[in-house]
N, C-alpha and C. Protein backbone atom coordinates (compact mmCIF):
# COMPACT_ATOMS: atom_id res chain seq x y z
N MET A 1 101.33 110.97 93.37
CA MET A 1 101.77 111.68 92.50
C MET A 1 101.82 110.99 91.27
N THR A 2 100.74 111.54 90.37
CA THR A 2 100.12 111.44 88.82
C THR A 2 101.43 111.00 88.15
N LEU A 3 101.55 110.15 87.53
CA LEU A 3 101.87 110.07 86.00
C LEU A 3 101.29 110.69 85.06
N SER A 4 101.63 111.81 84.24
CA SER A 4 101.57 112.33 82.55
C SER A 4 103.12 112.53 82.26
N THR A 5 102.02 112.60 80.86
CA THR A 5 103.14 113.09 79.91
C THR A 5 103.24 114.61 80.39
N VAL A 6 105.26 115.16 80.70
CA VAL A 6 105.32 116.15 80.77
C VAL A 6 106.15 116.79 79.57
N PRO A 7 105.97 117.98 78.59
CA PRO A 7 106.81 118.52 77.47
C PRO A 7 108.29 118.53 78.41
N SER A 8 109.41 118.85 77.92
CA SER A 8 110.39 119.45 78.56
C SER A 8 110.81 120.81 77.39
N PRO A 9 111.46 121.86 77.92
CA PRO A 9 111.78 122.70 77.11
C PRO A 9 112.69 122.38 75.72
N ASP A 10 113.02 121.45 75.48
CA ASP A 10 113.70 120.87 74.34
C ASP A 10 113.21 120.16 73.42
N GLY A 11 111.56 119.85 73.62
CA GLY A 11 110.69 119.03 73.40
C GLY A 11 110.63 117.45 73.33
N ALA A 12 111.09 116.61 74.42
CA ALA A 12 111.67 115.57 75.04
C ALA A 12 110.28 115.31 76.18
N GLU A 13 109.55 114.31 76.03
CA GLU A 13 108.77 114.16 76.67
C GLU A 13 108.87 113.67 77.88
N SER A 14 108.73 113.28 79.54
CA SER A 14 108.68 112.77 80.45
C SER A 14 107.00 111.94 80.72
N PRO A 15 107.00 110.54 81.78
CA PRO A 15 106.33 110.05 82.09
C PRO A 15 105.31 110.61 83.30
N HIS A 16 106.56 111.27 83.89
CA HIS A 16 106.52 111.98 85.40
C HIS A 16 106.11 112.95 85.50
N ALA A 17 104.86 113.45 85.88
CA ALA A 17 103.97 115.37 86.19
C ALA A 17 105.53 115.21 87.57
N PRO A 18 105.59 116.52 87.38
CA PRO A 18 106.56 116.67 88.67
C PRO A 18 105.41 118.09 89.74
N PRO A 19 106.04 117.61 91.03
CA PRO A 19 105.36 117.98 92.11
C PRO A 19 104.48 119.42 91.82
N GLU A 20 103.20 120.04 92.80
CA GLU A 20 103.23 120.93 92.37
C GLU A 20 103.66 122.19 93.45
N GLU A 21 103.76 123.40 92.63
CA GLU A 21 104.27 124.39 93.69
C GLU A 21 105.94 124.94 93.63
N LEU A 22 106.64 124.14 92.78
CA LEU A 22 108.31 124.29 92.53
C LEU A 22 108.33 125.94 91.99
N SER A 23 109.69 125.84 92.44
CA SER A 23 110.69 126.70 92.33
C SER A 23 110.77 127.02 91.00
N GLU A 24 111.14 127.85 90.20
CA GLU A 24 111.56 127.46 88.37
C GLU A 24 113.10 126.71 88.77
N ALA A 25 113.79 126.96 89.64
CA ALA A 25 115.07 126.31 89.79
C ALA A 25 115.06 124.44 89.77
N ALA A 26 113.92 124.34 90.51
CA ALA A 26 113.16 122.90 90.94
C ALA A 26 112.46 122.29 90.01
N LEU A 27 111.98 123.60 89.36
CA LEU A 27 110.92 122.35 87.55
C LEU A 27 112.27 122.57 87.13
N VAL A 28 113.46 122.83 86.50
CA VAL A 28 114.42 122.72 85.39
C VAL A 28 114.89 121.42 86.32
N LEU A 29 115.54 120.87 87.56
CA LEU A 29 116.01 120.13 88.35
C LEU A 29 114.88 118.58 87.98
N TRP A 30 113.93 119.26 88.21
CA TRP A 30 113.12 117.71 87.87
C TRP A 30 112.99 117.02 86.44
N ARG A 31 113.07 117.82 85.56
CA ARG A 31 112.89 117.82 83.93
C ARG A 31 114.05 117.29 83.44
N GLU A 32 115.49 118.09 83.87
CA GLU A 32 115.98 117.59 83.83
C GLU A 32 116.15 115.87 84.16
N VAL A 33 116.49 115.60 85.12
CA VAL A 33 116.40 114.53 85.71
C VAL A 33 115.56 113.05 84.75
N VAL A 34 114.33 113.23 84.80
CA VAL A 34 113.43 112.82 84.94
C VAL A 34 113.32 112.03 83.15
N THR A 35 113.71 113.76 82.33
CA THR A 35 113.98 113.32 80.67
C THR A 35 114.62 112.57 80.29
N GLU A 36 116.43 112.49 81.41
CA GLU A 36 117.61 112.03 81.18
C GLU A 36 117.74 110.36 81.86
N TYR A 37 116.56 110.45 82.48
CA TYR A 37 117.08 108.96 83.35
C TYR A 37 116.07 108.22 83.41
N GLU A 38 116.10 106.50 83.37
CA GLU A 38 114.69 106.21 84.14
C GLU A 38 115.06 105.94 85.94
N LEU A 39 114.29 106.50 86.48
CA LEU A 39 113.72 106.78 87.55
C LEU A 39 112.72 105.23 88.28
N GLY A 40 113.14 104.41 89.03
CA GLY A 40 113.01 104.11 89.75
C GLY A 40 111.18 104.83 90.93
N PRO A 41 111.04 103.92 91.76
CA PRO A 41 109.55 105.02 92.74
C PRO A 41 110.46 105.48 93.50
N HIS A 42 111.55 104.74 94.06
CA HIS A 42 112.32 105.03 95.21
C HIS A 42 113.06 106.55 94.65
N GLU A 43 113.38 106.24 93.53
CA GLU A 43 114.58 107.55 92.89
C GLU A 43 113.18 108.52 92.53
N LEU A 44 112.08 108.44 92.58
CA LEU A 44 111.52 109.28 91.61
C LEU A 44 110.91 109.81 93.65
N ALA A 45 110.49 109.60 94.28
CA ALA A 45 110.49 109.62 95.83
C ALA A 45 111.65 110.74 96.38
N LEU A 46 113.16 110.41 96.17
CA LEU A 46 113.89 111.19 96.44
C LEU A 46 113.96 112.66 95.79
N LEU A 47 113.78 112.52 94.19
CA LEU A 47 114.26 113.54 93.44
C LEU A 47 112.75 114.46 94.29
N GLU A 48 111.89 114.06 94.64
CA GLU A 48 110.33 114.58 94.75
C GLU A 48 110.98 115.58 96.25
N HIS A 49 111.45 114.46 96.88
CA HIS A 49 112.32 115.72 97.91
C HIS A 49 113.11 116.48 97.86
N ALA A 50 114.32 116.14 96.92
CA ALA A 50 115.05 117.09 96.29
C ALA A 50 114.27 118.38 95.74
N VAL A 51 113.34 118.45 94.87
CA VAL A 51 112.87 119.25 93.98
C VAL A 51 112.11 120.67 95.46
N ARG A 52 111.62 119.88 96.29
CA ARG A 52 110.66 120.34 97.06
C ARG A 52 111.88 121.10 98.04
N VAL A 53 112.78 120.70 98.49
CA VAL A 53 113.75 121.31 99.59
C VAL A 53 114.67 122.75 98.14
N GLN A 54 114.41 122.55 97.31
CA GLN A 54 114.97 123.11 95.94
C GLN A 54 114.26 124.51 95.74
N THR A 55 112.36 124.29 96.09
CA THR A 55 111.84 125.76 96.15
C THR A 55 112.43 126.13 97.42
N THR A 56 112.52 125.14 98.47
CA THR A 56 112.36 126.41 99.93
C THR A 56 114.10 127.27 100.09
N CYS A 57 114.83 126.36 99.52
CA CYS A 57 116.10 126.78 99.69
C CYS A 57 115.56 128.39 98.33
N SER A 58 115.41 128.65 97.46
CA SER A 58 114.73 129.64 96.46
C SER A 58 113.93 130.70 97.41
N ASP A 59 112.66 129.83 98.08
CA ASP A 59 111.96 130.40 98.92
C ASP A 59 113.21 131.28 100.26
N LEU A 60 114.03 130.89 100.40
CA LEU A 60 114.44 131.30 101.98
C LEU A 60 115.68 132.14 101.13
N ASP A 61 116.03 131.63 100.14
CA ASP A 61 117.12 133.06 99.11
C ASP A 61 116.82 134.18 98.94
N ALA A 62 115.09 134.17 98.51
CA ALA A 62 114.50 135.38 98.03
C ALA A 62 114.22 136.09 98.98
N LEU A 63 113.96 135.59 100.47
CA LEU A 63 114.02 136.17 102.27
C LEU A 63 115.15 136.77 102.34
N VAL A 64 116.24 136.15 102.08
CA VAL A 64 117.19 136.72 102.80
C VAL A 64 118.20 137.51 101.77
N GLN A 65 117.32 138.07 100.22
CA GLN A 65 117.84 138.89 99.21
C GLN A 65 116.91 140.24 99.81
N ALA A 66 115.89 139.85 99.76
CA ALA A 66 114.76 141.07 100.11
C ALA A 66 114.88 141.89 101.79
N GLU A 67 115.35 141.15 102.40
CA GLU A 67 116.01 141.91 104.36
C GLU A 67 117.49 142.11 104.51
N GLY A 68 118.45 141.24 104.04
CA GLY A 68 119.16 141.54 104.03
C GLY A 68 119.77 140.35 104.12
N ALA A 69 121.20 139.99 104.99
CA ALA A 69 121.93 138.89 105.50
C ALA A 69 121.98 138.85 106.61
N MET A 70 122.02 140.35 107.13
CA MET A 70 122.11 139.96 109.16
C MET A 70 120.71 141.49 109.09
N LEU A 71 119.84 140.75 110.53
CA LEU A 71 119.06 141.60 110.72
C LEU A 71 118.57 141.62 112.31
N GLU A 72 118.65 142.21 112.64
CA GLU A 72 118.77 142.89 114.32
C GLU A 72 120.26 142.78 114.80
N GLY A 73 121.13 143.17 113.40
CA GLY A 73 122.56 143.02 114.80
C GLY A 73 122.99 141.30 114.22
N ARG A 74 122.23 140.51 114.16
CA ARG A 74 122.10 139.27 114.19
C ARG A 74 122.60 138.23 112.96
N VAL A 75 122.95 137.50 112.47
CA VAL A 75 122.76 136.92 111.27
C VAL A 75 120.86 136.08 111.34
N HIS A 76 121.17 136.56 110.14
CA HIS A 76 119.18 136.17 109.36
C HIS A 76 119.06 135.12 110.15
N PRO A 77 117.74 134.47 110.35
CA PRO A 77 117.76 132.76 110.73
C PRO A 77 117.48 132.48 109.86
N ALA A 78 116.83 133.00 108.28
CA ALA A 78 116.51 132.46 107.01
C ALA A 78 117.83 132.25 106.81
N LEU A 79 119.12 132.87 106.59
CA LEU A 79 120.26 132.64 106.07
C LEU A 79 120.62 131.16 106.97
N VAL A 80 120.12 130.80 107.52
CA VAL A 80 120.88 129.74 108.61
C VAL A 80 120.17 128.75 108.43
N GLU A 81 118.78 128.59 108.01
CA GLU A 81 118.00 127.71 107.33
C GLU A 81 118.48 127.39 106.53
N LEU A 82 118.66 128.50 105.57
CA LEU A 82 119.13 128.12 103.49
C LEU A 82 120.25 127.03 103.89
N ARG A 83 121.41 127.42 104.61
CA ARG A 83 122.35 127.15 104.70
C ARG A 83 122.88 125.17 104.98
N LEU A 84 121.31 124.93 105.99
CA LEU A 84 120.78 123.47 106.25
C LEU A 84 120.41 122.90 104.59
N GLN A 85 119.29 123.49 104.16
CA GLN A 85 118.95 123.42 103.66
C GLN A 85 119.48 123.06 102.21
N ARG A 86 120.35 123.34 102.09
CA ARG A 86 121.10 123.80 101.08
C ARG A 86 122.10 122.01 101.33
N VAL A 87 122.67 121.63 102.28
CA VAL A 87 123.18 120.87 102.99
C VAL A 87 122.70 119.50 102.06
N LEU A 88 120.86 119.78 102.91
CA LEU A 88 120.13 118.41 102.75
C LEU A 88 119.21 118.12 101.51
N LEU A 89 120.01 119.12 100.04
CA LEU A 89 119.34 119.33 99.20
C LEU A 89 121.32 118.71 98.57
N SER A 90 121.63 118.87 99.05
CA SER A 90 123.14 118.04 98.52
C SER A 90 123.10 116.82 98.29
N ARG A 91 122.87 116.06 99.69
CA ARG A 91 122.92 115.25 99.96
C ARG A 91 121.91 113.91 99.63
N LEU A 92 121.09 114.51 99.15
CA LEU A 92 119.49 113.83 98.37
C LEU A 92 119.88 113.75 96.85
N ILE A 93 120.60 115.09 96.64
CA ILE A 93 121.00 114.75 94.96
C ILE A 93 121.92 113.82 94.88
N ALA A 94 123.06 113.65 95.98
CA ALA A 94 124.04 112.28 95.77
C ALA A 94 123.29 111.53 96.39
N SER A 95 122.19 110.93 96.98
CA SER A 95 121.67 109.78 96.73
C SER A 95 121.11 109.18 95.53
N LEU A 96 120.54 109.72 94.88
CA LEU A 96 119.89 109.65 93.69
C LEU A 96 120.77 108.93 93.00
N ARG A 97 122.60 109.54 92.82
CA ARG A 97 124.15 108.89 92.32
C ARG A 97 123.69 108.68 90.96
N ILE A 98 122.72 110.15 90.80
CA ILE A 98 123.42 110.38 89.23
C ILE A 98 124.92 110.53 88.89
N PRO A 99 125.14 110.21 87.58
CA PRO A 99 126.16 110.41 87.19
C PRO A 99 127.07 111.53 86.84
N VAL A 100 128.21 111.96 87.08
CA VAL A 100 128.76 112.98 87.23
C VAL A 100 129.62 113.86 86.39
N GLU A 101 130.37 112.95 85.26
CA GLU A 101 131.09 113.40 84.00
C GLU A 101 131.56 111.50 83.80
N GLU A 102 131.38 112.28 82.16
CA GLU A 102 132.23 111.02 81.41
C GLU A 102 133.49 110.83 81.86
N ASP A 103 134.07 109.46 81.99
CA ASP A 103 135.33 108.62 82.01
C ASP A 103 136.33 108.71 80.68
N GLY A 104 137.41 108.70 80.46
CA GLY A 104 137.70 108.43 79.49
C GLY A 104 137.52 107.88 77.89
N ALA A 105 136.79 107.13 78.55
CA ALA A 105 135.93 105.76 77.69
C ALA A 105 134.66 106.41 76.88
N GLY A 106 134.51 107.09 77.75
CA GLY A 106 133.13 108.12 77.01
C GLY A 106 131.55 107.51 77.83
N ALA A 107 132.05 106.79 78.84
CA ALA A 107 131.05 106.38 79.44
C ALA A 107 130.21 107.30 80.89
N PRO A 108 129.49 107.15 80.79
CA PRO A 108 129.13 108.54 82.17
C PRO A 108 129.82 107.45 83.70
N ARG A 109 129.91 108.32 84.81
CA ARG A 109 131.16 107.72 85.57
C ARG A 109 130.33 108.11 87.03
N LEU A 110 129.69 106.87 87.73
CA LEU A 110 128.30 107.25 88.75
C LEU A 110 129.28 107.55 89.86
N GLN A 111 128.79 108.07 91.23
CA GLN A 111 129.28 108.18 92.14
C GLN A 111 129.38 106.94 92.84
N ARG A 112 130.51 107.30 93.83
CA ARG A 112 130.21 106.14 95.14
C ARG A 112 128.98 105.23 95.49
N ARG A 113 129.24 104.46 95.81
CA ARG A 113 127.61 103.96 96.69
C ARG A 113 128.00 103.83 98.02
N SER A 114 128.31 105.20 98.72
CA SER A 114 128.53 104.82 100.50
C SER A 114 127.57 106.01 100.68
N GLY A 115 126.76 105.51 101.32
CA GLY A 115 125.78 106.57 102.45
C GLY A 115 126.05 107.96 102.45
N ALA A 116 125.00 108.95 102.48
CA ALA A 116 125.44 109.98 102.69
C ALA A 116 125.79 110.04 104.09
N ARG A 117 126.90 111.15 104.14
CA ARG A 117 127.53 110.99 105.74
C ARG A 117 127.09 111.89 106.43
N GLY A 118 126.63 111.44 107.64
CA GLY A 118 125.35 112.07 108.53
C GLY A 118 126.28 112.88 109.30
N PRO A 119 126.12 113.94 110.80
CA PRO A 119 127.07 114.04 111.62
C PRO A 119 127.83 113.76 112.51
N TYR A 120 128.81 114.23 112.61
CA TYR A 120 129.89 113.15 113.40
C TYR A 120 129.45 112.54 115.03
N GLY A 121 129.51 111.82 115.15
CA GLY A 121 129.51 111.04 116.95
C GLY A 121 130.55 111.14 117.83
N PRO A 122 130.23 111.02 118.48
CA PRO A 122 131.30 111.70 119.80
C PRO A 122 132.08 110.08 119.45
N ARG A 123 133.56 110.88 120.06
CA ARG A 123 134.97 109.72 119.72
C ARG A 123 134.75 109.63 121.77
N ALA A 124 135.86 108.77 121.54
CA ALA A 124 136.16 108.12 122.52
C ALA A 124 137.15 108.67 122.97
N VAL A 125 137.58 109.30 124.34
CA VAL A 125 138.70 110.48 124.74
C VAL A 125 139.18 109.22 125.66
N SER A 126 140.70 109.27 124.97
CA SER A 126 141.93 108.71 125.19
C SER A 126 143.13 109.66 126.70
């Protein structure tokens, strides 16, 4: 990723250029995060994955909107994939640990530092 100055809609500048070919929603997400927070290389990598997934979600949503939720009497495969991509997007954003709100003292409250929860494993049968 090449670093450069990217103006945001509010006139602030960011030293990080967004990846190419992003949807409008993904570009907004990128600009809001990089102008508001200082990110390390590992966080920039997570953000890049997140905005690419957001673009995929936008593309899949447009396809479902154009063709409908049902295809040949079955749920549209793009709708199933959209659901999975949204789960992935939420996990990537949670991994960034972006502050979610302010507490009573006015300081941002960070997300808990637990890992992203994956699929449940098999349980022992008693």
